[in-house]
Amino acid sequence: MTVVTRDDTRVTRDLWAAIANGAPGATVDALGHSLPSRGYFVGGRSYVATIPVDSITPDDVAGYVSDHSDARYFGMWEHDGKIYLDAVDWIVDHVHARQLGRLRHEIEIFNIATGECEEP
């Protein structure tokens, strides 16, 4: 039996690469698996780090990842000159994703199949 462990160095590298390359957003699986093709990513499992694009460093990303040792999925997005880092949960069912999004006071949840954000 193969045990898959979290690779914080890879998570940090992949998130940083997305930021450095100017990606509008990205999600990374801390276990290194392929991302799901359906369901929803719902944020709000913890605090969201908000850092200006022109001052974020790989150490900021590494710190956020290490602060969330219980998270499997990490998301980042850029908006209005700021990078947002979020520990997110994968929820398969639309109803449960919407419920969790509302419970966490999320503005939007991410529909993986469509690549679009939706109101919870």
N, C-alpha and C. Protein backbone atom coordinates (compact mmCIF):
# COMPACT_ATOMS: atom_id res chain seq x y z
N MET A 1 0.84 -1.18 0.00
CA MET A 1 0.00 0.00 0.00
C MET A 1 0.89 1.24 0.00
N THR A 2 0.64 2.14 -0.94
CA THR A 2 1.41 3.37 -1.03
C THR A 2 0.73 4.46 -0.22
N VAL A 3 1.48 5.10 0.63
CA VAL A 3 0.96 6.21 1.42
C VAL A 3 1.36 7.51 0.73
N VAL A 4 0.38 8.34 0.45
CA VAL A 4 0.64 9.62 -0.19
C VAL A 4 0.66 10.69 0.90
N THR A 5 1.70 11.46 0.92
CA THR A 5 1.80 12.51 1.93
C THR A 5 1.78 13.88 1.27
N ARG A 6 1.44 14.85 2.07
CA ARG A 6 1.42 16.23 1.63
C ARG A 6 2.82 16.69 1.27
N ASP A 7 2.91 17.49 0.24
CA ASP A 7 4.20 18.03 -0.18
C ASP A 7 4.09 19.55 -0.20
N ASP A 8 4.34 20.17 0.95
CA ASP A 8 4.21 21.62 1.07
C ASP A 8 5.15 22.38 0.14
N THR A 9 6.32 21.81 -0.11
CA THR A 9 7.28 22.47 -1.01
C THR A 9 6.70 22.54 -2.42
N ARG A 10 6.10 21.45 -2.89
CA ARG A 10 5.50 21.45 -4.22
C ARG A 10 4.29 22.38 -4.28
N VAL A 11 3.45 22.38 -3.23
CA VAL A 11 2.29 23.27 -3.20
C VAL A 11 2.75 24.71 -3.31
N THR A 12 3.75 25.07 -2.50
CA THR A 12 4.28 26.44 -2.53
C THR A 12 4.83 26.75 -3.92
N ARG A 13 5.60 25.83 -4.49
CA ARG A 13 6.19 26.05 -5.81
C ARG A 13 5.11 26.26 -6.87
N ASP A 14 4.06 25.42 -6.85
CA ASP A 14 3.02 25.51 -7.86
C ASP A 14 2.19 26.79 -7.70
N LEU A 15 1.85 27.14 -6.47
CA LEU A 15 1.12 28.39 -6.26
C LEU A 15 1.97 29.59 -6.65
N TRP A 16 3.25 29.56 -6.27
CA TRP A 16 4.14 30.68 -6.61
C TRP A 16 4.31 30.80 -8.12
N ALA A 17 4.42 29.68 -8.82
CA ALA A 17 4.56 29.71 -10.27
C ALA A 17 3.33 30.37 -10.91
N ALA A 18 2.14 30.05 -10.41
CA ALA A 18 0.92 30.67 -10.93
C ALA A 18 0.94 32.18 -10.69
N ILE A 19 1.36 32.58 -9.50
CA ILE A 19 1.43 34.01 -9.18
C ILE A 19 2.46 34.69 -10.06
N ALA A 20 3.67 34.12 -10.14
CA ALA A 20 4.76 34.72 -10.91
C ALA A 20 4.43 34.82 -12.40
N ASN A 21 3.64 33.87 -12.90
CA ASN A 21 3.27 33.87 -14.32
C ASN A 21 2.02 34.70 -14.61
N GLY A 22 1.47 35.34 -13.57
CA GLY A 22 0.32 36.21 -13.77
C GLY A 22 -0.99 35.48 -14.00
N ALA A 23 -1.09 34.25 -13.52
CA ALA A 23 -2.35 33.50 -13.68
C ALA A 23 -3.46 34.21 -12.90
N PRO A 24 -4.66 34.25 -13.45
CA PRO A 24 -5.76 34.88 -12.73
C PRO A 24 -6.21 34.05 -11.52
N GLY A 25 -5.88 32.75 -11.53
CA GLY A 25 -6.24 31.88 -10.43
C GLY A 25 -5.65 30.50 -10.64
N ALA A 26 -5.60 29.73 -9.55
CA ALA A 26 -5.09 28.36 -9.63
C ALA A 26 -5.52 27.61 -8.37
N THR A 27 -5.61 26.29 -8.52
CA THR A 27 -5.89 25.42 -7.38
C THR A 27 -4.85 24.31 -7.39
N VAL A 28 -4.38 23.93 -6.22
CA VAL A 28 -3.34 22.91 -6.08
C VAL A 28 -3.80 21.86 -5.07
N ASP A 29 -3.60 20.60 -5.40
CA ASP A 29 -3.86 19.49 -4.50
C ASP A 29 -2.58 19.20 -3.73
N ALA A 30 -2.61 19.32 -2.42
CA ALA A 30 -1.42 19.13 -1.59
C ALA A 30 -0.90 17.69 -1.62
N LEU A 31 -1.73 16.74 -2.06
CA LEU A 31 -1.28 15.36 -2.16
C LEU A 31 -0.72 15.04 -3.53
N GLY A 32 -0.78 16.01 -4.46
CA GLY A 32 -0.20 15.83 -5.78
C GLY A 32 -1.06 15.07 -6.77
N HIS A 33 -2.31 14.83 -6.41
CA HIS A 33 -3.22 14.14 -7.33
C HIS A 33 -3.75 15.13 -8.37
N SER A 34 -4.33 14.59 -9.42
CA SER A 34 -5.03 15.43 -10.39
C SER A 34 -6.21 16.09 -9.70
N LEU A 35 -6.52 17.30 -10.12
CA LEU A 35 -7.66 17.99 -9.53
C LEU A 35 -8.95 17.34 -10.00
N PRO A 36 -9.99 17.38 -9.16
CA PRO A 36 -11.27 16.82 -9.57
C PRO A 36 -11.82 17.56 -10.80
N SER A 37 -12.64 16.87 -11.57
CA SER A 37 -13.21 17.46 -12.78
C SER A 37 -14.67 17.88 -12.58
N ARG A 38 -15.20 17.62 -11.41
CA ARG A 38 -16.58 17.99 -11.10
C ARG A 38 -16.67 18.41 -9.64
N GLY A 39 -17.80 18.96 -9.28
CA GLY A 39 -18.01 19.41 -7.91
C GLY A 39 -17.64 20.87 -7.76
N TYR A 40 -17.36 21.26 -6.53
CA TYR A 40 -17.16 22.66 -6.20
C TYR A 40 -16.00 22.82 -5.22
N PHE A 41 -15.25 23.88 -5.38
CA PHE A 41 -14.29 24.28 -4.37
C PHE A 41 -14.95 25.38 -3.55
N VAL A 42 -14.96 25.17 -2.23
CA VAL A 42 -15.58 26.11 -1.31
C VAL A 42 -14.52 26.59 -0.34
N GLY A 43 -14.31 27.89 -0.31
CA GLY A 43 -13.32 28.48 0.58
C GLY A 43 -13.89 28.70 1.96
N GLY A 44 -13.11 29.42 2.74
CA GLY A 44 -13.58 29.81 4.06
C GLY A 44 -13.30 28.81 5.15
N ARG A 45 -12.47 27.81 4.87
CA ARG A 45 -12.17 26.84 5.92
C ARG A 45 -11.28 27.48 6.97
N SER A 46 -10.63 28.60 6.62
CA SER A 46 -9.77 29.36 7.51
C SER A 46 -9.68 30.78 6.97
N TYR A 47 -8.70 31.52 7.44
CA TYR A 47 -8.54 32.90 6.96
C TYR A 47 -8.00 32.91 5.53
N VAL A 48 -8.29 33.98 4.83
CA VAL A 48 -7.76 34.20 3.49
C VAL A 48 -6.63 35.21 3.62
N ALA A 49 -5.48 34.89 3.06
CA ALA A 49 -4.36 35.84 3.03
C ALA A 49 -4.55 36.75 1.82
N THR A 50 -4.43 38.05 2.05
CA THR A 50 -4.56 39.04 0.99
C THR A 50 -3.28 39.86 0.97
N ILE A 51 -2.54 39.76 -0.14
CA ILE A 51 -1.22 40.38 -0.23
C ILE A 51 -1.10 41.10 -1.56
N PRO A 52 -0.64 42.35 -1.56
CA PRO A 52 -0.46 43.07 -2.83
C PRO A 52 0.45 42.30 -3.79
N VAL A 53 0.08 42.29 -5.07
CA VAL A 53 0.84 41.57 -6.09
C VAL A 53 2.31 42.00 -6.08
N ASP A 54 2.56 43.28 -5.91
CA ASP A 54 3.93 43.77 -6.01
C ASP A 54 4.77 43.53 -4.77
N SER A 55 4.19 42.92 -3.73
CA SER A 55 5.01 42.66 -2.54
C SER A 55 4.95 41.20 -2.07
N ILE A 56 4.15 40.35 -2.71
CA ILE A 56 4.08 38.95 -2.28
C ILE A 56 5.38 38.23 -2.62
N THR A 57 5.78 37.32 -1.74
CA THR A 57 7.01 36.55 -1.93
C THR A 57 6.71 35.05 -1.80
N PRO A 58 7.63 34.22 -2.26
CA PRO A 58 7.46 32.78 -2.03
C PRO A 58 7.34 32.44 -0.54
N ASP A 59 8.01 33.21 0.31
CA ASP A 59 7.92 32.96 1.75
C ASP A 59 6.51 33.21 2.27
N ASP A 60 5.81 34.20 1.70
CA ASP A 60 4.41 34.44 2.09
C ASP A 60 3.56 33.22 1.76
N VAL A 61 3.77 32.68 0.57
CA VAL A 61 3.01 31.51 0.14
C VAL A 61 3.35 30.32 1.03
N ALA A 62 4.63 30.09 1.27
CA ALA A 62 5.06 28.96 2.12
C ALA A 62 4.48 29.08 3.52
N GLY A 63 4.45 30.28 4.05
CA GLY A 63 3.89 30.49 5.38
C GLY A 63 2.41 30.16 5.43
N TYR A 64 1.67 30.58 4.39
CA TYR A 64 0.24 30.28 4.35
C TYR A 64 0.02 28.77 4.26
N VAL A 65 0.76 28.11 3.41
CA VAL A 65 0.61 26.66 3.25
C VAL A 65 0.93 25.95 4.57
N SER A 66 2.02 26.33 5.22
CA SER A 66 2.38 25.65 6.47
C SER A 66 1.40 25.96 7.60
N ASP A 67 0.74 27.12 7.55
CA ASP A 67 -0.29 27.45 8.55
C ASP A 67 -1.53 26.58 8.41
N HIS A 68 -1.67 25.91 7.28
CA HIS A 68 -2.87 25.13 6.99
C HIS A 68 -2.52 23.66 6.74
N SER A 69 -1.90 23.06 7.74
CA SER A 69 -1.41 21.69 7.61
C SER A 69 -2.53 20.67 7.46
N ASP A 70 -3.76 21.07 7.76
CA ASP A 70 -4.88 20.14 7.62
C ASP A 70 -5.61 20.29 6.28
N ALA A 71 -5.18 21.22 5.45
CA ALA A 71 -5.86 21.46 4.17
C ALA A 71 -5.27 20.57 3.07
N ARG A 72 -6.15 20.14 2.19
CA ARG A 72 -5.69 19.36 1.04
C ARG A 72 -5.61 20.24 -0.21
N TYR A 73 -6.55 21.15 -0.38
CA TYR A 73 -6.60 21.99 -1.58
C TYR A 73 -6.33 23.45 -1.22
N PHE A 74 -5.56 24.09 -2.07
CA PHE A 74 -5.25 25.51 -1.91
C PHE A 74 -5.60 26.24 -3.19
N GLY A 75 -6.23 27.39 -3.03
CA GLY A 75 -6.55 28.20 -4.19
C GLY A 75 -5.88 29.55 -4.09
N MET A 76 -5.61 30.14 -5.26
CA MET A 76 -5.13 31.52 -5.31
C MET A 76 -5.83 32.21 -6.45
N TRP A 77 -6.04 33.51 -6.29
CA TRP A 77 -6.56 34.31 -7.38
C TRP A 77 -6.08 35.73 -7.21
N GLU A 78 -6.07 36.46 -8.32
CA GLU A 78 -5.66 37.85 -8.32
C GLU A 78 -6.89 38.70 -8.60
N HIS A 79 -7.01 39.79 -7.83
CA HIS A 79 -8.11 40.73 -8.04
C HIS A 79 -7.68 42.11 -7.56
N ASP A 80 -7.81 43.07 -8.44
CA ASP A 80 -7.50 44.47 -8.12
C ASP A 80 -6.12 44.66 -7.48
N GLY A 81 -5.12 44.00 -8.07
CA GLY A 81 -3.75 44.19 -7.61
C GLY A 81 -3.39 43.45 -6.34
N LYS A 82 -4.24 42.52 -5.92
CA LYS A 82 -3.96 41.73 -4.72
C LYS A 82 -4.05 40.25 -5.05
N ILE A 83 -3.22 39.48 -4.38
CA ILE A 83 -3.26 38.02 -4.46
C ILE A 83 -4.00 37.53 -3.22
N TYR A 84 -4.92 36.61 -3.45
CA TYR A 84 -5.67 35.99 -2.37
C TYR A 84 -5.27 34.52 -2.31
N LEU A 85 -4.93 34.05 -1.11
CA LEU A 85 -4.61 32.64 -0.87
C LEU A 85 -5.68 32.08 0.05
N ASP A 86 -6.20 30.90 -0.31
CA ASP A 86 -7.30 30.34 0.44
C ASP A 86 -7.15 28.82 0.53
N ALA A 87 -7.41 28.27 1.69
CA ALA A 87 -7.50 26.82 1.87
C ALA A 87 -8.95 26.47 1.56
N VAL A 88 -9.17 25.57 0.60
CA VAL A 88 -10.52 25.28 0.13
C VAL A 88 -10.85 23.81 0.30
N ASP A 89 -12.15 23.53 0.34
CA ASP A 89 -12.63 22.16 0.41
C ASP A 89 -13.30 21.79 -0.90
N TRP A 90 -13.16 20.52 -1.29
CA TRP A 90 -13.83 20.00 -2.48
C TRP A 90 -15.12 19.35 -2.02
N ILE A 91 -16.22 19.85 -2.55
CA ILE A 91 -17.54 19.32 -2.23
C ILE A 91 -18.17 18.86 -3.55
N VAL A 92 -18.57 17.61 -3.62
CA VAL A 92 -19.09 17.05 -4.87
C VAL A 92 -20.50 17.56 -5.15
N ASP A 93 -21.35 17.54 -4.17
CA ASP A 93 -22.77 17.83 -4.34
C ASP A 93 -23.06 19.34 -4.34
N HIS A 94 -23.83 19.79 -5.32
CA HIS A 94 -24.17 21.21 -5.46
C HIS A 94 -24.90 21.75 -4.23
N VAL A 95 -25.86 21.00 -3.73
CA VAL A 95 -26.64 21.46 -2.57
C VAL A 95 -25.74 21.65 -1.36
N HIS A 96 -24.88 20.67 -1.09
CA HIS A 96 -23.98 20.77 0.06
C HIS A 96 -22.94 21.86 -0.12
N ALA A 97 -22.47 22.05 -1.33
CA ALA A 97 -21.51 23.12 -1.60
C ALA A 97 -22.14 24.48 -1.33
N ARG A 98 -23.36 24.67 -1.78
CA ARG A 98 -24.06 25.94 -1.55
C ARG A 98 -24.30 26.15 -0.06
N GLN A 99 -24.71 25.10 0.64
CA GLN A 99 -24.96 25.21 2.08
C GLN A 99 -23.69 25.60 2.82
N LEU A 100 -22.58 24.93 2.48
CA LEU A 100 -21.32 25.23 3.14
C LEU A 100 -20.86 26.64 2.82
N GLY A 101 -21.02 27.06 1.56
CA GLY A 101 -20.65 28.42 1.18
C GLY A 101 -21.42 29.46 1.96
N ARG A 102 -22.72 29.23 2.14
CA ARG A 102 -23.53 30.17 2.92
C ARG A 102 -23.12 30.15 4.39
N LEU A 103 -22.89 28.95 4.93
CA LEU A 103 -22.47 28.82 6.32
C LEU A 103 -21.17 29.58 6.59
N ARG A 104 -20.26 29.53 5.62
CA ARG A 104 -18.96 30.19 5.76
C ARG A 104 -18.98 31.65 5.30
N HIS A 105 -20.14 32.13 4.91
CA HIS A 105 -20.30 33.52 4.44
C HIS A 105 -19.44 33.82 3.23
N GLU A 106 -19.33 32.83 2.35
CA GLU A 106 -18.57 33.01 1.12
C GLU A 106 -19.39 33.81 0.11
N ILE A 107 -18.73 34.65 -0.64
CA ILE A 107 -19.39 35.43 -1.68
C ILE A 107 -19.68 34.54 -2.88
N GLU A 108 -18.74 33.62 -3.18
CA GLU A 108 -18.89 32.73 -4.32
C GLU A 108 -18.29 31.37 -4.00
N ILE A 109 -18.76 30.35 -4.72
CA ILE A 109 -18.15 29.03 -4.72
C ILE A 109 -17.72 28.76 -6.16
N PHE A 110 -16.74 27.88 -6.34
CA PHE A 110 -16.19 27.65 -7.67
C PHE A 110 -16.70 26.33 -8.24
N ASN A 111 -17.41 26.43 -9.37
CA ASN A 111 -17.92 25.25 -10.07
C ASN A 111 -16.78 24.71 -10.93
N ILE A 112 -16.27 23.56 -10.58
CA ILE A 112 -15.10 22.99 -11.27
C ILE A 112 -15.42 22.66 -12.72
N ALA A 113 -16.58 22.08 -12.97
CA ALA A 113 -16.92 21.65 -14.34
C ALA A 113 -17.03 22.82 -15.30
N THR A 114 -17.59 23.94 -14.85
CA THR A 114 -17.77 25.09 -15.74
C THR A 114 -16.61 26.07 -15.68
N GLY A 115 -15.82 25.99 -14.60
CA GLY A 115 -14.72 26.96 -14.43
C GLY A 115 -15.22 28.33 -14.04
N GLU A 116 -16.44 28.40 -13.53
CA GLU A 116 -17.06 29.67 -13.17
C GLU A 116 -17.40 29.72 -11.69
N CYS A 117 -17.43 30.92 -11.14
CA CYS A 117 -17.87 31.12 -9.77
C CYS A 117 -19.38 31.29 -9.75
N GLU A 118 -19.99 30.84 -8.68
CA GLU A 118 -21.43 30.94 -8.50
C GLU A 118 -21.73 31.45 -7.10
N GLU A 119 -22.86 32.09 -6.94
CA GLU A 119 -23.30 32.47 -5.60
C GLU A 119 -23.71 31.22 -4.85
N PRO A 120 -23.41 31.18 -3.56
CA PRO A 120 -23.87 30.02 -2.80
C PRO A 120 -25.34 30.14 -2.56
